[in-house]
């Protein structure tokens, strides 16, 4: 997933609570959905970063030799400039890009 193409703001934005609660009719449920999605995004970003930085891993035990790789620094800067996962998740929730369901509120079929 390319997070740079997201329309999520980089800085914190004040949101209207009623707009967030519009789909679920419950602000706490909306926040829980956003939080779960933010955790998923955070893990995905962490995995992507770990895979990219693993290429630069040095397996030397000597502490004297520390090399600064320009590509590694650029990758780190790219990920530092991304919006926070909570902002990305909130933007996805507002744009209805998150699939969610509440099994408690769904009707159970009658057993015959």
N, C-alpha and C. Protein backbone atom coordinates (compact mmCIF):
# COMPACT_ATOMS: atom_id res chain seq x y z
N UNK A 1 0.85 -1.18 0.00
CA UNK A 1 0.00 0.00 0.00
C UNK A 1 0.89 1.24 0.00
N UNK A 2 0.60 2.17 -0.87
CA UNK A 2 1.38 3.39 -0.95
C UNK A 2 0.72 4.46 -0.08
N UNK A 3 1.32 4.70 1.05
CA UNK A 3 0.74 5.63 2.01
C UNK A 3 0.95 7.08 1.61
N UNK A 4 1.91 7.33 0.72
CA UNK A 4 2.16 8.70 0.28
C UNK A 4 1.01 9.21 -0.58
N UNK A 5 0.27 8.32 -1.23
CA UNK A 5 -0.84 8.72 -2.08
C UNK A 5 -2.11 8.99 -1.29
N UNK A 6 -2.08 8.68 -0.01
CA UNK A 6 -3.25 8.91 0.84
C UNK A 6 -3.49 10.40 1.00
N UNK A 7 -4.76 10.76 1.16
CA UNK A 7 -5.12 12.16 1.36
C UNK A 7 -5.11 12.53 2.84
N UNK A 8 -4.57 11.66 3.66
CA UNK A 8 -4.56 11.92 5.10
C UNK A 8 -3.62 13.08 5.41
N UNK A 9 -4.02 13.95 6.33
CA UNK A 9 -3.15 15.07 6.70
C UNK A 9 -1.94 14.57 7.50
N UNK A 10 -0.86 15.30 7.40
CA UNK A 10 0.35 14.94 8.15
C UNK A 10 0.22 15.40 9.60
N UNK A 11 -0.48 16.50 9.81
CA UNK A 11 -0.68 17.03 11.16
C UNK A 11 -2.06 16.66 11.67
N UNK A 12 -2.24 16.77 12.96
CA UNK A 12 -3.51 16.46 13.59
C UNK A 12 -4.58 17.46 13.14
N UNK A 13 -5.76 16.94 12.86
CA UNK A 13 -6.87 17.77 12.40
C UNK A 13 -8.04 17.56 13.36
N UNK A 14 -8.72 18.64 13.70
CA UNK A 14 -9.90 18.54 14.56
C UNK A 14 -11.06 18.01 13.73
N UNK A 15 -11.72 16.99 14.25
CA UNK A 15 -12.83 16.36 13.53
C UNK A 15 -14.13 16.58 14.29
N UNK A 16 -15.22 16.60 13.58
CA UNK A 16 -16.54 16.69 14.19
C UNK A 16 -16.93 15.28 14.65
N UNK A 17 -17.23 15.14 15.91
CA UNK A 17 -17.55 13.84 16.48
C UNK A 17 -18.79 13.25 15.81
N UNK A 18 -19.74 14.08 15.51
CA UNK A 18 -20.99 13.59 14.91
C UNK A 18 -20.74 13.00 13.51
N UNK A 19 -19.75 13.54 12.79
CA UNK A 19 -19.42 12.98 11.48
C UNK A 19 -18.81 11.59 11.62
N UNK A 20 -17.99 11.39 12.66
CA UNK A 20 -17.38 10.08 12.87
C UNK A 20 -18.40 9.05 13.33
N UNK A 21 -19.38 9.48 14.09
CA UNK A 21 -20.39 8.57 14.63
C UNK A 21 -21.55 8.34 13.66
N UNK A 22 -21.51 8.96 12.50
CA UNK A 22 -22.63 8.89 11.56
C UNK A 22 -22.91 7.45 11.11
N UNK A 23 -21.88 6.69 10.78
CA UNK A 23 -22.08 5.33 10.25
C UNK A 23 -22.44 4.32 11.32
N UNK A 24 -21.87 4.48 12.50
CA UNK A 24 -22.07 3.47 13.55
C UNK A 24 -23.11 3.87 14.58
N UNK A 25 -23.47 5.14 14.62
CA UNK A 25 -24.37 5.70 15.64
C UNK A 25 -23.79 5.60 17.05
N UNK A 26 -22.49 5.41 17.13
CA UNK A 26 -21.82 5.29 18.42
C UNK A 26 -20.38 5.74 18.25
N UNK A 27 -19.99 6.81 18.91
CA UNK A 27 -18.64 7.35 18.75
C UNK A 27 -17.59 6.37 19.25
N UNK A 28 -17.91 5.61 20.31
CA UNK A 28 -16.95 4.68 20.87
C UNK A 28 -16.68 3.52 19.92
N UNK A 29 -17.71 3.08 19.23
CA UNK A 29 -17.53 2.02 18.24
C UNK A 29 -16.70 2.53 17.07
N UNK A 30 -16.95 3.76 16.65
CA UNK A 30 -16.17 4.35 15.56
C UNK A 30 -14.70 4.46 15.94
N UNK A 31 -14.43 4.91 17.15
CA UNK A 31 -13.05 5.04 17.60
C UNK A 31 -12.38 3.67 17.70
N UNK A 32 -13.12 2.66 18.13
CA UNK A 32 -12.56 1.31 18.21
C UNK A 32 -12.21 0.78 16.83
N UNK A 33 -13.06 1.05 15.85
CA UNK A 33 -12.79 0.62 14.47
C UNK A 33 -11.54 1.32 13.94
N UNK A 34 -11.45 2.62 14.17
CA UNK A 34 -10.29 3.38 13.71
C UNK A 34 -9.02 2.90 14.40
N UNK A 35 -9.11 2.60 15.69
CA UNK A 35 -7.94 2.13 16.44
C UNK A 35 -7.45 0.79 15.92
N UNK A 36 -8.37 -0.12 15.64
CA UNK A 36 -7.97 -1.43 15.11
C UNK A 36 -7.32 -1.30 13.75
N UNK A 37 -7.86 -0.43 12.92
CA UNK A 37 -7.27 -0.22 11.59
C UNK A 37 -5.91 0.45 11.71
N UNK A 38 -5.76 1.38 12.65
CA UNK A 38 -4.48 2.05 12.86
C UNK A 38 -3.42 1.04 13.29
N UNK A 39 -3.80 0.07 14.12
CA UNK A 39 -2.86 -0.98 14.51
C UNK A 39 -2.43 -1.81 13.31
N UNK A 40 -3.38 -2.14 12.43
CA UNK A 40 -3.05 -2.89 11.22
C UNK A 40 -2.10 -2.10 10.33
N UNK A 41 -2.37 -0.83 10.15
CA UNK A 41 -1.51 0.02 9.31
C UNK A 41 -0.12 0.13 9.93
N UNK A 42 -0.07 0.30 11.23
CA UNK A 42 1.21 0.42 11.93
C UNK A 42 2.07 -0.83 11.73
N UNK A 43 1.45 -1.99 11.87
CA UNK A 43 2.19 -3.24 11.67
C UNK A 43 2.67 -3.38 10.23
N UNK A 44 1.83 -2.97 9.29
CA UNK A 44 2.21 -3.07 7.88
C UNK A 44 3.37 -2.13 7.56
N UNK A 45 3.33 -0.92 8.08
CA UNK A 45 4.42 0.03 7.86
C UNK A 45 5.71 -0.49 8.49
N UNK A 46 5.60 -1.03 9.70
CA UNK A 46 6.77 -1.56 10.39
C UNK A 46 7.39 -2.72 9.61
N UNK A 47 6.55 -3.60 9.08
CA UNK A 47 7.07 -4.71 8.28
C UNK A 47 7.76 -4.22 7.02
N UNK A 48 7.14 -3.25 6.34
CA UNK A 48 7.75 -2.70 5.13
C UNK A 48 9.11 -2.06 5.42
N UNK A 49 9.16 -1.29 6.50
CA UNK A 49 10.41 -0.64 6.87
C UNK A 49 11.47 -1.66 7.25
N UNK A 50 11.08 -2.67 8.00
CA UNK A 50 12.04 -3.70 8.42
C UNK A 50 12.60 -4.45 7.22
N UNK A 51 11.76 -4.75 6.24
CA UNK A 51 12.23 -5.44 5.04
C UNK A 51 13.21 -4.59 4.25
N UNK A 52 12.91 -3.28 4.16
CA UNK A 52 13.80 -2.41 3.40
C UNK A 52 15.12 -2.18 4.12
N UNK A 53 15.08 -2.07 5.45
CA UNK A 53 16.30 -1.84 6.20
C UNK A 53 17.12 -3.12 6.42
N UNK A 54 16.49 -4.27 6.24
CA UNK A 54 17.21 -5.54 6.39
C UNK A 54 18.30 -5.68 5.32
N UNK A 55 18.11 -5.06 4.18
CA UNK A 55 19.11 -5.10 3.12
C UNK A 55 20.41 -4.43 3.55
N UNK A 56 20.31 -3.47 4.47
CA UNK A 56 21.48 -2.72 4.89
C UNK A 56 22.08 -3.26 6.19
N UNK A 57 21.54 -4.34 6.70
CA UNK A 57 21.99 -4.87 7.99
C UNK A 57 23.43 -5.34 7.90
N UNK A 58 24.19 -4.97 8.89
CA UNK A 58 25.58 -5.38 9.00
C UNK A 58 25.68 -6.37 10.14
N UNK A 59 26.33 -7.49 9.88
CA UNK A 59 26.41 -8.54 10.89
C UNK A 59 27.78 -8.57 11.56
N UNK A 60 28.44 -7.42 11.63
CA UNK A 60 29.72 -7.33 12.32
C UNK A 60 29.49 -7.08 13.80
N UNK A 61 30.36 -7.63 14.62
CA UNK A 61 30.24 -7.43 16.06
C UNK A 61 31.08 -6.26 16.56
N UNK A 62 31.86 -5.67 15.69
CA UNK A 62 32.71 -4.58 16.14
C UNK A 62 31.90 -3.29 16.27
N UNK A 63 32.10 -2.60 17.37
CA UNK A 63 31.38 -1.36 17.62
C UNK A 63 32.07 -0.16 16.99
N UNK A 64 33.31 -0.32 16.58
CA UNK A 64 34.05 0.81 16.02
C UNK A 64 33.56 1.18 14.63
N UNK A 65 33.15 0.20 13.88
CA UNK A 65 32.77 0.45 12.49
C UNK A 65 31.26 0.67 12.40
N UNK A 66 30.87 1.91 12.25
CA UNK A 66 29.47 2.24 12.03
C UNK A 66 29.41 3.01 10.72
N UNK A 67 28.71 2.44 9.78
CA UNK A 67 28.63 3.05 8.47
C UNK A 67 27.26 3.71 8.30
N UNK A 68 27.27 4.90 7.75
CA UNK A 68 26.02 5.58 7.43
C UNK A 68 25.79 5.45 5.93
N UNK A 69 24.74 4.77 5.60
CA UNK A 69 24.41 4.57 4.21
C UNK A 69 23.38 5.61 3.81
N UNK A 70 23.64 6.33 2.74
CA UNK A 70 22.75 7.40 2.31
C UNK A 70 21.36 6.87 1.94
N UNK A 71 21.30 5.71 1.28
CA UNK A 71 20.02 5.13 0.91
C UNK A 71 19.20 4.77 2.16
N UNK A 72 19.88 4.26 3.15
CA UNK A 72 19.21 3.90 4.40
C UNK A 72 18.62 5.14 5.08
N UNK A 73 19.36 6.22 5.06
CA UNK A 73 18.88 7.47 5.66
C UNK A 73 17.67 8.00 4.88
N UNK A 74 17.69 7.91 3.56
CA UNK A 74 16.56 8.38 2.75
C UNK A 74 15.31 7.54 3.01
N UNK A 75 15.47 6.24 3.16
CA UNK A 75 14.33 5.37 3.47
C UNK A 75 13.75 5.74 4.82
N UNK A 76 14.61 5.96 5.80
CA UNK A 76 14.14 6.34 7.13
C UNK A 76 13.41 7.67 7.11
N UNK A 77 13.92 8.63 6.36
CA UNK A 77 13.26 9.93 6.26
C UNK A 77 11.89 9.82 5.59
N UNK A 78 11.80 8.96 4.59
CA UNK A 78 10.52 8.76 3.91
C UNK A 78 9.46 8.28 4.90
N UNK A 79 9.82 7.31 5.73
CA UNK A 79 8.87 6.77 6.69
C UNK A 79 8.59 7.74 7.84
N UNK A 80 9.53 8.59 8.17
CA UNK A 80 9.30 9.59 9.20
C UNK A 80 8.31 10.66 8.75
N UNK A 81 8.28 10.93 7.45
CA UNK A 81 7.40 11.99 6.92
C UNK A 81 5.98 11.50 6.65
N UNK A 82 5.76 10.20 6.73
CA UNK A 82 4.42 9.67 6.50
C UNK A 82 3.47 10.13 7.59
N UNK A 83 2.18 10.24 7.27
CA UNK A 83 1.20 10.53 8.33
C UNK A 83 1.16 9.38 9.32
N UNK A 84 0.78 9.69 10.54
CA UNK A 84 0.69 8.65 11.57
C UNK A 84 -0.41 7.66 11.21
N UNK A 85 -0.28 6.41 11.65
CA UNK A 85 -1.29 5.41 11.33
C UNK A 85 -2.70 5.79 11.78
N UNK A 86 -2.82 6.49 12.89
CA UNK A 86 -4.15 6.90 13.36
C UNK A 86 -4.77 7.90 12.39
N UNK A 87 -3.98 8.78 11.82
CA UNK A 87 -4.50 9.73 10.84
C UNK A 87 -4.88 9.04 9.54
N UNK A 88 -4.07 8.06 9.13
CA UNK A 88 -4.41 7.29 7.93
C UNK A 88 -5.70 6.50 8.13
N UNK A 89 -5.85 5.88 9.30
CA UNK A 89 -7.05 5.10 9.59
C UNK A 89 -8.28 5.98 9.67
N UNK A 90 -8.15 7.15 10.26
CA UNK A 90 -9.28 8.08 10.34
C UNK A 90 -9.71 8.52 8.95
N UNK A 91 -8.75 8.81 8.10
CA UNK A 91 -9.07 9.21 6.73
C UNK A 91 -9.77 8.09 5.98
N UNK A 92 -9.30 6.85 6.16
CA UNK A 92 -9.94 5.71 5.52
C UNK A 92 -11.37 5.54 6.03
N UNK A 93 -11.57 5.74 7.33
CA UNK A 93 -12.91 5.60 7.90
C UNK A 93 -13.86 6.66 7.34
N UNK A 94 -13.38 7.88 7.21
CA UNK A 94 -14.21 8.96 6.68
C UNK A 94 -14.56 8.71 5.22
N UNK A 95 -13.62 8.14 4.47
CA UNK A 95 -13.84 7.87 3.05
C UNK A 95 -14.54 6.53 2.82
N UNK A 96 -14.98 5.86 3.86
CA UNK A 96 -15.66 4.56 3.80
C UNK A 96 -14.82 3.49 3.10
N UNK A 97 -13.53 3.47 3.37
CA UNK A 97 -12.64 2.47 2.80
C UNK A 97 -12.35 1.34 3.77
N UNK A 98 -12.96 1.37 4.95
CA UNK A 98 -12.76 0.32 5.95
C UNK A 98 -14.00 -0.55 5.99
N UNK A 99 -13.78 -1.85 5.84
CA UNK A 99 -14.89 -2.79 6.02
C UNK A 99 -14.93 -3.17 7.49
N UNK A 100 -16.08 -3.04 8.10
CA UNK A 100 -16.24 -3.41 9.50
C UNK A 100 -17.64 -3.97 9.68
N UNK A 101 -17.75 -4.78 10.71
CA UNK A 101 -19.06 -5.32 11.05
C UNK A 101 -19.07 -5.57 12.55
N UNK A 102 -20.26 -5.57 13.11
CA UNK A 102 -20.43 -5.83 14.53
C UNK A 102 -21.25 -7.11 14.66
N UNK A 103 -20.63 -8.21 15.04
CA UNK A 103 -21.37 -9.47 15.10
C UNK A 103 -22.47 -9.47 16.18
N UNK A 104 -22.35 -8.61 17.16
CA UNK A 104 -23.37 -8.56 18.21
C UNK A 104 -24.69 -8.01 17.66
N UNK A 105 -24.61 -7.03 16.78
CA UNK A 105 -25.82 -6.41 16.26
C UNK A 105 -26.40 -7.15 15.06
N UNK A 106 -25.63 -8.07 14.49
CA UNK A 106 -26.15 -8.83 13.34
C UNK A 106 -27.17 -9.86 13.83
N UNK A 107 -28.17 -10.07 13.05
CA UNK A 107 -29.22 -11.03 13.41
C UNK A 107 -28.73 -12.45 13.17
N UNK A 108 -28.95 -13.30 14.16
CA UNK A 108 -28.62 -14.71 14.04
C UNK A 108 -29.79 -15.42 13.34
N UNK A 109 -29.51 -16.30 12.38
CA UNK A 109 -30.60 -17.04 11.74
C UNK A 109 -31.24 -17.99 12.75
N UNK A 110 -32.54 -18.13 12.65
CA UNK A 110 -33.27 -18.99 13.58
C UNK A 110 -32.96 -20.45 13.29
N UNK A 111 -32.63 -21.20 14.33
CA UNK A 111 -32.34 -22.62 14.19
C UNK A 111 -33.64 -23.39 14.12
N UNK A 112 -33.71 -24.31 13.18
CA UNK A 112 -34.93 -25.10 13.03
C UNK A 112 -34.78 -26.46 13.62
